[in-house]
Amino acid sequence: MLRAALRRFASDPRDALLHVHNLKGELESYWVFSVDEDLRVLFRWEGENVFLVNIGTHDQVY
């Protein structure tokens, strides 16, 4: 599942199936997308580049 989600993200970082959204508060400079119900990928944009920061469960990432 993770590999498929990463491929989908690489193909289209705004794919609606990934539920991509920006965060608020202390994590406001980060974005996240969903792999499944609980697994998340935390990332940040730098210009047109994306840097993956953390991969884990909802509780681990937030």
C-alpha atoms as a PDB file:
ATOM      1  CA  MET A   1       0.000   0.000   0.000  1.00  0.00           C
ATOM      2  CA  LEU A   2       2.756   2.450   0.907  1.00  0.00           C
ATOM      3  CA  ARG A   3       4.602   1.882  -2.353  1.00  0.00           C
ATOM      4  CA  ALA A   4       1.396   2.441  -4.360  1.00  0.00           C
ATOM      5  CA  ALA A   5       0.591   5.632  -2.443  1.00  0.00           C
ATOM      6  CA  LEU A   6       4.113   6.969  -2.985  1.00  0.00           C
ATOM      7  CA  ARG A   7       3.860   6.225  -6.712  1.00  0.00           C
ATOM      8  CA  ARG A   8       0.479   7.946  -6.878  1.00  0.00           C
ATOM      9  CA  PHE A   9       1.900  10.950  -5.005  1.00  0.00           C
ATOM     10  CA  ALA A  10       4.927  11.128  -7.326  1.00  0.00           C
ATOM     11  CA  SER A  11       2.599  11.077 -10.318  1.00  0.00           C
ATOM     12  CA  ASP A  12       0.176  13.675  -8.926  1.00  0.00           C
ATOM     13  CA  PRO A  13       0.895  15.239  -5.506  1.00  0.00           C
ATOM     14  CA  ARG A  14      -2.629  16.658  -5.365  1.00  0.00           C
ATOM     15  CA  ASP A  15      -4.440  13.391  -6.151  1.00  0.00           C
ATOM     16  CA  ALA A  16      -7.762  13.501  -4.287  1.00  0.00           C
ATOM     17  CA  LEU A  17      -7.507   9.816  -3.352  1.00  0.00           C
ATOM     18  CA  LEU A  18      -4.528  10.667  -1.110  1.00  0.00           C
ATOM     19  CA  HIS A  19      -6.455  13.252   0.931  1.00  0.00           C
ATOM     20  CA  VAL A  20      -3.530  15.677   0.796  1.00  0.00           C
ATOM     21  CA  HIS A  21      -3.880  18.612   3.183  1.00  0.00           C
ATOM     22  CA  ASN A  22      -1.760  21.149   4.999  1.00  0.00           C
ATOM     23  CA  LEU A  23      -1.481  21.124   8.755  1.00  0.00           C
ATOM     24  CA  LYS A  24      -2.066  23.828  11.327  1.00  0.00           C
ATOM     25  CA  GLY A  25      -0.443  24.979  14.536  1.00  0.00           C
ATOM     26  CA  GLU A  26       3.141  23.880  15.204  1.00  0.00           C
ATOM     27  CA  LEU A  27       3.103  21.783  12.013  1.00  0.00           C
ATOM     28  CA  GLU A  28       1.728  24.519   9.743  1.00  0.00           C
ATOM     29  CA  SER A  29       4.714  24.355   7.364  1.00  0.00           C
ATOM     30  CA  TYR A  30       3.988  20.662   6.670  1.00  0.00           C
ATOM     31  CA  TRP A  31       1.536  18.708   4.587  1.00  0.00           C
ATOM     32  CA  VAL A  32       0.295  15.143   4.926  1.00  0.00           C
ATOM     33  CA  PHE A  33      -1.274  12.472   2.766  1.00  0.00           C
ATOM     34  CA  SER A  34      -3.006   9.246   3.695  1.00  0.00           C
ATOM     35  CA  VAL A  35      -1.810   5.770   2.757  1.00  0.00           C
ATOM     36  CA  ASP A  36      -4.715   4.009   4.487  1.00  0.00           C
ATOM     37  CA  GLU A  37      -7.045   4.672   7.411  1.00  0.00           C
ATOM     38  CA  ASP A  38      -4.169   5.172   9.869  1.00  0.00           C
ATOM     39  CA  LEU A  39      -0.865   5.439   7.954  1.00  0.00           C
ATOM     40  CA  ARG A  40       0.251   8.962   7.034  1.00  0.00           C
ATOM     41  CA  VAL A  41       3.157  10.540   5.157  1.00  0.00           C
ATOM     42  CA  LEU A  42       4.296  13.923   6.439  1.00  0.00           C
ATOM     43  CA  PHE A  43       6.100  16.137   3.933  1.00  0.00           C
ATOM     44  CA  ARG A  44       7.025  19.714   3.160  1.00  0.00           C
ATOM     45  CA  TRP A  45       7.307  21.696  -0.031  1.00  0.00           C
ATOM     46  CA  GLU A  46      10.404  23.705  -0.929  1.00  0.00           C
ATOM     47  CA  GLY A  47       9.540  25.425  -4.153  1.00  0.00           C
ATOM     48  CA  GLU A  48       8.685  22.633  -6.575  1.00  0.00           C
ATOM     49  CA  ASN A  49      10.541  20.016  -4.506  1.00  0.00           C
ATOM     50  CA  VAL A  50       8.912  17.748  -1.941  1.00  0.00           C
ATOM     51  CA  PHE A  51      10.749  16.373   1.082  1.00  0.00           C
ATOM     52  CA  LEU A  52       9.291  13.397   2.928  1.00  0.00           C
ATOM     53  CA  VAL A  53       9.721  14.010   6.658  1.00  0.00           C
ATOM     54  CA  ASN A  54       7.967  11.164   8.473  1.00  0.00           C
ATOM     55  CA  ILE A  55       5.939   8.043   7.750  1.00  0.00           C
ATOM     56  CA  GLY A  56       3.863   6.461  10.487  1.00  0.00           C
ATOM     57  CA  THR A  57       0.508   6.021  12.101  1.00  0.00           C
ATOM     58  CA  HIS A  58      -1.723   9.001  12.746  1.00  0.00           C
ATOM     59  CA  ASP A  59      -0.501   9.226  16.349  1.00  0.00           C
ATOM     60  CA  GLN A  60       3.174   8.874  15.374  1.00  0.00           C
ATOM     61  CA  VAL A  61       3.069  11.594  12.732  1.00  0.00           C
ATOM     62  CA  TYR A  62       1.010  14.140  14.651  1.00  0.00           C
END
